[in-house]
Amino acid sequence: MPAKRTGKLTLAPTLVLLDALEKLCEQPEDGDLAYLLAVLLIRRRLLTELPNDGSDDEPSHLQLIYPTNGREFLVPAQTPTSDRVTFLHQKLIDLLYCET
């Protein structure tokens, strides 16, 4: 029988999430996961989208900045396919939360 978790899940620290995003952006096979994490960080107002140069209606990348220290991210605008939704959901939970 698996051991019962006694710790409480809390949101991972901001810098840990930013490091994870940076690593995901470097791996083309994880582009959809990087995109979802970036969108979540934008919604939490941790990242800000830099203005598009206007050349594309649908850009291939999101250019983001962490305003606190000026750290920039170039995230592939790769929406997930329906067959990867369950996998990506679990990966996001693993990235976003840590046991305390």
Foldseek 3Di string as FASTA:
>chain_A
DDDDDDFDKDFDDPVLLVVVLQVLQVDVVSLQLSQVSVVVCVVVVQKDFDDDPPPDPDDQWTWIARVVVGDIDTGGPDHDDPVCVVVSVVVCSVSTIDTD
